[in-house]
Amino acid sequence: MAGTIRALRRRVLTPDVSETLVSTRGFHDKGPEARTILETVGSSFLTGLSSAAGARRVTDVDTDLAKLPTRFQGFAYEGAAMGFALVDALMPGTPRRSAEFLAGTGDRHVYMAYVGIGWALARLPKFLWRRALAAATDPLLRWLVHDGYGFHQAYFHTDEYVHGRRALTDFPWPAEGPTSYAARAIDQGIGRATWFVAGCDPTLAADLIDRFAPARHQDLYSGAGLAATYAGGCTEDELRLFLTRAGEHAPFVAQASAFAAQARIRAGLLVPHTELAARVFCRTSAAEAGRITDELIPAGPAADGLPAYEVWRRAVAERFRVGARVQP
């Protein structure tokens, strides 16, 4: 009986892989290489989601995901985090799977895991959010939940959130706010999804971002820079073009690139395209960019109530500000 329930969970909670096709989503098709990358990102995410949704033990996902290529394992763990959050929210009893995941191998993928929890929120009614969020207790990283929520909305509701440029200004979590920053963190996820919508084409990604209200550009460019570094899909010249198009927001492209580099390094998943993007965006190695992100983690929020996560982002962006050469 237990096996039947797990199989049913897996089937009900996992979308069909066709939902990740560039043609299904209506995203720009830059060519076979970029298309394959984006579609493999999607299918890897679903592999992780399916594994977690049907897992008997939390650690079973490690066996399932070990066979995936290094480049795509992080996305699979992001999907696994979504799956565990969904099961925690929907199954009776005390939510425990996400917490157990984060206390184990999920800790190496903690950034992606918090993003995955945000995906779960986008698929759940609000009265179940508390259960899905039970493990999202880190006051620094919890804003990545919003990033994941924003990515989901832009990925699956592209006309509304990317082409229609909808802003989410009333997100109800965390209850203590600040609501204004929740909207900004969601925009970082929308920016990250915009890289996918643009099919890894830097000109199209920048064109899409530039159509948003100027006050949103910094977070959107930052999100797209993270995707360009973590997911890839473009050449060195295209990375340089995107950095140029970011203009005054280039330091936040570098900040996001450094975050992406550190996420891969912490998980043991560093790959050549992330190294290349760090060299272009941060003007240093991925290892040094990642070290800087760790060095600048703040002790707490700013005196004016600015979330610690934004204090962190600003400090990293300032380190990489144009003209400040960072030595490898």
Protein backbone atom coordinates (compact mmCIF):
# COMPACT_ATOMS: atom_id res chain seq x y z
CA MET A 1 0.00 0.00 0.00
CA ALA A 2 2.78 2.45 0.92
CA GLY A 3 4.47 1.83 -2.42
CA THR A 4 1.21 2.50 -4.24
CA ILE A 5 0.80 5.82 -2.42
CA ARG A 6 4.34 6.87 -3.28
CA ALA A 7 3.80 5.99 -6.93
CA LEU A 8 0.57 7.98 -6.95
CA ARG A 9 2.30 10.98 -5.38
CA ARG A 10 5.01 10.79 -8.00
CA ARG A 11 2.48 10.67 -10.84
CA VAL A 12 0.21 13.42 -9.51
CA LEU A 13 2.90 15.89 -8.45
CA THR A 14 5.24 15.60 -11.45
CA PRO A 15 4.30 17.55 -14.60
CA ASP A 16 4.81 15.92 -17.97
CA VAL A 17 8.28 16.52 -19.37
CA SER A 18 6.68 18.13 -22.44
CA GLU A 19 5.97 21.14 -20.23
CA THR A 20 9.70 21.91 -20.25
CA LEU A 21 10.10 22.01 -24.03
CA VAL A 22 11.04 25.37 -25.51
CA SER A 23 8.30 24.95 -28.11
CA THR A 24 5.67 24.21 -25.44
CA ARG A 25 6.65 27.23 -23.39
CA GLY A 26 6.85 29.51 -26.42
CA PHE A 27 10.36 30.63 -25.49
CA HIS A 28 12.81 32.00 -28.03
CA ASP A 29 14.75 29.23 -29.80
CA LYS A 30 18.30 30.48 -30.33
CA GLY A 31 19.49 27.18 -31.74
CA PRO A 32 20.06 23.50 -30.94
CA GLU A 33 22.74 23.95 -28.27
CA ALA A 34 20.86 26.51 -26.16
CA ARG A 35 17.59 24.65 -26.64
CA THR A 36 19.13 21.38 -25.46
CA ILE A 37 20.58 23.06 -22.37
CA LEU A 38 17.30 24.68 -21.38
CA GLU A 39 15.26 21.56 -21.98
CA THR A 40 17.73 19.39 -20.07
CA VAL A 41 17.55 21.85 -17.17
CA GLY A 42 13.79 21.35 -17.17
CA SER A 43 13.86 17.57 -17.44
CA SER A 44 16.53 17.37 -14.70
CA PHE A 45 14.38 19.48 -12.41
CA LEU A 46 11.46 17.09 -13.00
CA THR A 47 13.71 14.11 -12.31
CA GLY A 48 14.46 15.55 -8.88
CA LEU A 49 10.82 16.44 -8.23
CA SER A 50 9.65 12.96 -9.21
CA SER A 51 12.31 11.30 -7.06
CA ALA A 52 11.38 13.29 -3.96
CA ALA A 53 7.64 12.91 -4.50
CA GLY A 54 7.95 9.13 -4.58
CA ALA A 55 10.84 8.63 -2.16
CA ARG A 56 10.51 6.15 0.69
CA ARG A 57 13.49 7.72 2.44
CA VAL A 58 14.75 11.25 1.91
CA THR A 59 18.22 9.91 1.08
CA ASP A 60 16.82 7.90 -1.84
CA VAL A 61 17.06 11.00 -4.02
CA ASP A 62 20.85 10.95 -3.79
CA THR A 63 20.94 7.56 -5.50
CA ASP A 64 18.46 8.67 -8.15
CA LEU A 65 20.25 11.92 -8.98
CA ALA A 66 23.87 10.72 -8.87
CA LYS A 67 23.61 9.45 -12.45
CA LEU A 68 22.79 12.89 -13.86
CA PRO A 69 25.54 14.98 -15.53
CA THR A 70 27.32 17.38 -13.18
CA ARG A 71 26.00 20.38 -15.09
CA PHE A 72 22.38 19.50 -14.33
CA GLN A 73 22.46 17.95 -10.86
CA GLY A 74 21.84 21.27 -9.10
CA PHE A 75 18.58 21.71 -10.98
CA ALA A 76 17.55 18.20 -9.99
CA TYR A 77 18.16 18.99 -6.32
CA GLU A 78 16.11 22.15 -6.74
CA GLY A 79 13.29 19.95 -8.04
CA ALA A 80 13.79 17.53 -5.16
CA ALA A 81 13.38 20.39 -2.67
CA MET A 82 10.12 21.32 -4.37
CA GLY A 83 8.97 17.71 -4.14
CA PHE A 84 9.75 17.38 -0.44
CA ALA A 85 7.99 20.68 0.31
CA LEU A 86 4.91 19.55 -1.62
CA VAL A 87 4.78 16.22 0.22
CA ASP A 88 5.25 17.99 3.58
CA ALA A 89 2.36 20.29 2.75
CA LEU A 90 -0.02 17.66 1.43
CA MET A 91 0.58 14.61 3.61
CA PRO A 92 -0.74 14.25 7.17
CA GLY A 93 1.58 14.42 10.14
CA THR A 94 4.35 16.80 11.13
CA PRO A 95 6.24 18.19 8.12
CA ARG A 96 9.72 16.64 8.26
CA ARG A 97 11.01 15.80 4.80
CA SER A 98 12.36 19.24 3.86
CA ALA A 99 14.06 19.64 7.23
CA GLU A 100 15.63 16.19 6.96
CA PHE A 101 16.75 16.96 3.40
CA LEU A 102 18.37 20.27 4.41
CA ALA A 103 20.07 18.63 7.38
CA GLY A 104 21.59 16.02 5.07
CA THR A 105 22.85 16.19 1.51
CA GLY A 106 20.47 19.05 0.74
CA ASP A 107 22.76 21.32 2.74
CA ARG A 108 25.29 21.27 -0.11
CA HIS A 109 22.50 22.49 -2.37
CA VAL A 110 20.92 24.86 0.16
CA TYR A 111 20.58 27.80 -2.24
CA MET A 112 18.79 25.69 -4.84
CA ALA A 113 16.73 24.03 -2.11
CA TYR A 114 15.26 27.31 -0.89
CA VAL A 115 14.44 28.22 -4.49
CA GLY A 116 12.70 24.86 -4.87
CA ILE A 117 10.52 25.56 -1.84
CA GLY A 118 9.40 28.72 -3.64
CA TRP A 119 8.31 26.60 -6.58
CA ALA A 120 6.17 24.54 -4.20
CA LEU A 121 4.39 27.64 -2.91
CA ALA A 122 3.42 28.52 -6.47
CA ARG A 123 1.62 25.17 -6.77
CA LEU A 124 -0.11 25.19 -3.38
CA PRO A 125 -3.11 27.01 -1.92
CA LYS A 126 -2.03 29.59 0.65
CA PHE A 127 -3.51 27.69 3.59
CA LEU A 128 -0.85 25.00 3.03
CA TRP A 129 2.09 27.39 2.76
CA ARG A 130 2.94 27.17 6.44
CA ARG A 131 3.56 23.43 6.16
CA ALA A 132 5.61 23.82 2.98
CA LEU A 133 7.71 26.55 4.62
CA ALA A 134 8.35 24.67 7.86
CA ALA A 135 12.04 24.15 7.05
CA ALA A 136 12.68 27.60 5.51
CA THR A 137 13.98 29.07 8.75
CA ASP A 138 17.22 30.74 7.68
CA PRO A 139 16.61 34.52 7.94
CA LEU A 140 19.34 35.21 5.39
CA LEU A 141 18.38 32.71 2.70
CA ARG A 142 14.59 32.73 3.00
CA TRP A 143 14.36 35.41 0.30
CA LEU A 144 15.44 32.73 -2.18
CA VAL A 145 11.96 31.27 -1.66
CA HIS A 146 10.59 34.40 -3.30
CA ASP A 147 13.12 34.03 -6.11
CA GLY A 148 11.82 30.52 -6.77
CA TYR A 149 8.22 31.71 -6.70
CA GLY A 150 9.00 34.48 -9.17
CA PHE A 151 10.83 32.10 -11.50
CA HIS A 152 7.88 29.69 -11.51
CA GLN A 153 5.39 32.43 -12.32
CA ALA A 154 7.50 33.85 -15.15
CA TYR A 155 8.28 30.39 -16.54
CA PHE A 156 4.70 29.12 -16.57
CA HIS A 157 2.81 32.43 -16.92
CA THR A 158 5.18 34.21 -19.26
CA ASP A 159 2.65 36.45 -20.96
CA GLU A 160 1.52 37.83 -17.61
CA TYR A 161 4.81 38.17 -15.75
CA VAL A 162 7.36 38.81 -18.52
CA HIS A 163 5.55 40.26 -21.51
CA GLY A 164 2.82 41.79 -19.34
CA ARG A 165 5.38 42.81 -16.70
CA ARG A 166 3.11 42.06 -13.75
CA ALA A 167 4.56 43.02 -10.37
CA LEU A 168 3.73 41.14 -7.17
CA THR A 169 3.44 43.77 -4.45
CA ASP A 170 1.33 41.98 -1.83
CA PHE A 171 3.19 38.72 -1.18
CA PRO A 172 2.06 37.55 2.29
CA TRP A 173 5.26 35.90 3.56
CA PRO A 174 7.17 36.46 5.74
CA ALA A 175 4.45 38.00 7.86
CA GLU A 176 6.84 40.56 9.36
CA GLY A 177 7.84 41.70 5.88
CA PRO A 178 9.10 43.90 4.49
CA THR A 179 6.56 43.42 1.70
CA SER A 180 8.46 45.79 -0.54
CA TYR A 181 11.50 43.53 -0.44
CA ALA A 182 9.43 40.43 -1.13
CA ALA A 183 8.46 42.07 -4.44
CA ARG A 184 12.12 42.73 -5.22
CA ALA A 185 13.21 39.16 -4.46
CA ILE A 186 10.39 37.89 -6.68
CA ASP A 187 11.71 40.15 -9.45
CA GLN A 188 15.10 38.47 -9.11
CA GLY A 189 13.36 35.18 -9.92
CA ILE A 190 11.47 36.75 -12.81
CA GLY A 191 14.78 38.03 -14.16
CA ARG A 192 16.30 34.56 -13.86
CA ALA A 193 13.37 33.09 -15.82
CA THR A 194 13.71 35.83 -18.43
CA TRP A 195 17.06 34.30 -19.41
CA PHE A 196 15.12 31.11 -20.21
CA VAL A 197 12.30 32.97 -21.97
CA ALA A 198 14.94 34.66 -24.14
CA GLY A 199 16.46 31.29 -24.99
CA CYS A 200 19.87 32.37 -23.62
CA ASP A 201 19.99 35.22 -26.14
CA PRO A 202 21.56 38.19 -24.31
CA THR A 203 20.13 40.84 -26.63
CA LEU A 204 16.59 39.52 -26.29
CA ALA A 205 16.97 39.07 -22.52
CA ALA A 206 18.12 42.68 -22.15
CA ASP A 207 15.36 43.92 -24.47
CA LEU A 208 12.74 42.13 -22.36
CA ILE A 209 14.16 43.53 -19.11
CA ASP A 210 14.40 47.06 -20.47
CA ARG A 211 10.64 47.08 -21.11
CA PHE A 212 9.97 46.84 -17.37
CA ALA A 213 9.75 49.92 -15.16
CA PRO A 214 13.29 51.24 -14.56
CA ALA A 215 12.98 50.70 -10.79
CA ARG A 216 12.80 46.95 -11.44
CA HIS A 217 15.82 46.70 -13.76
CA GLN A 218 18.46 46.09 -11.09
CA ASP A 219 16.78 42.97 -9.70
CA LEU A 220 15.83 41.67 -13.15
CA TYR A 221 19.35 42.05 -14.55
CA SER A 222 20.73 40.42 -11.42
CA GLY A 223 18.44 37.41 -11.83
CA ALA A 224 19.30 37.01 -15.50
CA GLY A 225 23.01 37.24 -14.67
CA LEU A 226 22.64 34.41 -12.19
CA ALA A 227 20.94 32.24 -14.81
CA ALA A 228 23.60 33.07 -17.40
CA THR A 229 26.24 31.90 -14.93
CA TYR A 230 24.54 28.84 -13.46
CA ALA A 231 22.65 27.53 -16.51
CA GLY A 232 24.82 29.00 -19.25
CA GLY A 233 23.85 28.66 -22.88
CA CYS A 234 25.94 31.42 -24.44
CA THR A 235 29.44 32.36 -25.58
CA GLU A 236 32.00 34.65 -23.98
CA ASP A 237 31.12 37.40 -26.45
CA GLU A 238 27.43 37.05 -25.57
CA LEU A 239 28.23 37.27 -21.86
CA ARG A 240 30.17 40.48 -22.49
CA LEU A 241 27.30 41.87 -24.51
CA PHE A 242 24.85 41.17 -21.69
CA LEU A 243 27.14 42.85 -19.16
CA THR A 244 27.34 45.91 -21.40
CA ARG A 245 23.56 46.02 -21.78
CA ALA A 246 23.16 45.90 -18.01
CA GLY A 247 24.89 49.29 -17.82
CA GLU A 248 24.69 50.77 -14.33
CA HIS A 249 23.36 47.45 -13.05
CA ALA A 250 26.50 45.54 -14.05
CA PRO A 251 27.68 45.26 -10.40
CA PHE A 252 24.51 43.34 -9.57
CA VAL A 253 25.05 41.05 -12.54
CA ALA A 254 28.48 40.36 -11.03
CA GLN A 255 26.93 39.87 -7.59
CA ALA A 256 24.49 37.29 -8.93
CA SER A 257 27.23 35.58 -10.92
CA ALA A 258 29.29 35.25 -7.73
CA PHE A 259 26.29 33.78 -5.91
CA ALA A 260 25.82 31.27 -8.74
CA ALA A 261 29.50 30.35 -8.66
CA GLN A 262 29.42 29.77 -4.92
CA ALA A 263 26.25 27.68 -5.21
CA ARG A 264 28.01 25.38 -7.66
CA ILE A 265 31.24 25.28 -5.65
CA ARG A 266 29.43 24.45 -2.40
CA ALA A 267 27.63 21.60 -4.14
CA GLY A 268 30.80 20.34 -5.85
CA LEU A 269 29.29 21.05 -9.27
CA LEU A 270 31.59 23.70 -10.76
CA VAL A 271 31.62 23.50 -14.57
CA PRO A 272 33.52 25.42 -17.28
CA HIS A 273 30.71 27.74 -18.32
CA THR A 274 30.33 28.97 -14.73
CA GLU A 275 34.06 29.64 -14.58
CA LEU A 276 33.81 31.56 -17.85
CA ALA A 277 30.86 33.65 -16.68
CA ALA A 278 32.63 34.53 -13.43
CA ARG A 279 35.66 35.67 -15.40
CA VAL A 280 33.49 37.91 -17.58
CA PHE A 281 31.02 39.26 -15.02
CA CYS A 282 33.23 39.35 -11.90
CA ARG A 283 36.63 39.70 -13.57
CA THR A 284 38.01 36.92 -11.40
CA SER A 285 37.84 33.16 -10.96
CA ALA A 286 34.71 31.37 -9.82
CA ALA A 287 36.55 30.26 -6.67
CA GLU A 288 37.52 33.81 -5.77
CA ALA A 289 34.05 35.15 -6.57
CA GLY A 290 32.54 32.48 -4.33
CA ARG A 291 35.05 33.21 -1.56
CA ILE A 292 34.04 36.88 -1.64
CA THR A 293 30.37 36.02 -1.22
CA ASP A 294 31.17 34.01 1.91
CA GLU A 295 33.48 36.72 3.26
CA LEU A 296 30.74 39.36 2.99
CA ILE A 297 27.88 37.45 4.64
CA PRO A 298 26.42 40.01 7.09
CA ALA A 299 25.89 39.39 10.77
CA GLY A 300 22.32 40.68 10.53
CA PRO A 301 20.00 43.21 8.89
CA ALA A 302 20.95 46.84 8.44
CA ALA A 303 20.01 49.40 11.06
CA ASP A 304 17.31 50.74 8.76
CA GLY A 305 15.61 47.34 8.62
CA LEU A 306 16.97 46.33 5.22
CA PRO A 307 16.97 42.49 5.08
CA ALA A 308 20.34 40.85 5.62
CA TYR A 309 20.04 39.25 2.18
CA GLU A 310 19.93 42.67 0.49
CA VAL A 311 22.76 43.94 2.71
CA TRP A 312 24.74 40.95 1.44
CA ARG A 313 23.85 41.55 -2.21
CA ARG A 314 24.85 45.21 -2.00
CA ALA A 315 28.16 44.45 -0.33
CA VAL A 316 29.06 41.90 -3.00
CA ALA A 317 27.94 44.22 -5.82
CA GLU A 318 30.05 47.01 -4.40
CA ARG A 319 33.11 44.73 -4.35
CA PHE A 320 32.61 44.00 -8.04
CA ARG A 321 31.72 47.54 -9.07
CA VAL A 322 33.09 48.54 -12.46
CA GLY A 323 36.74 49.55 -12.19
CA ALA A 324 37.42 47.58 -9.02
CA ARG A 325 39.69 44.85 -10.35
CA VAL A 326 39.52 41.68 -8.27
CA GLN A 327 42.60 39.52 -8.29
CA PRO A 328 42.16 35.77 -8.88
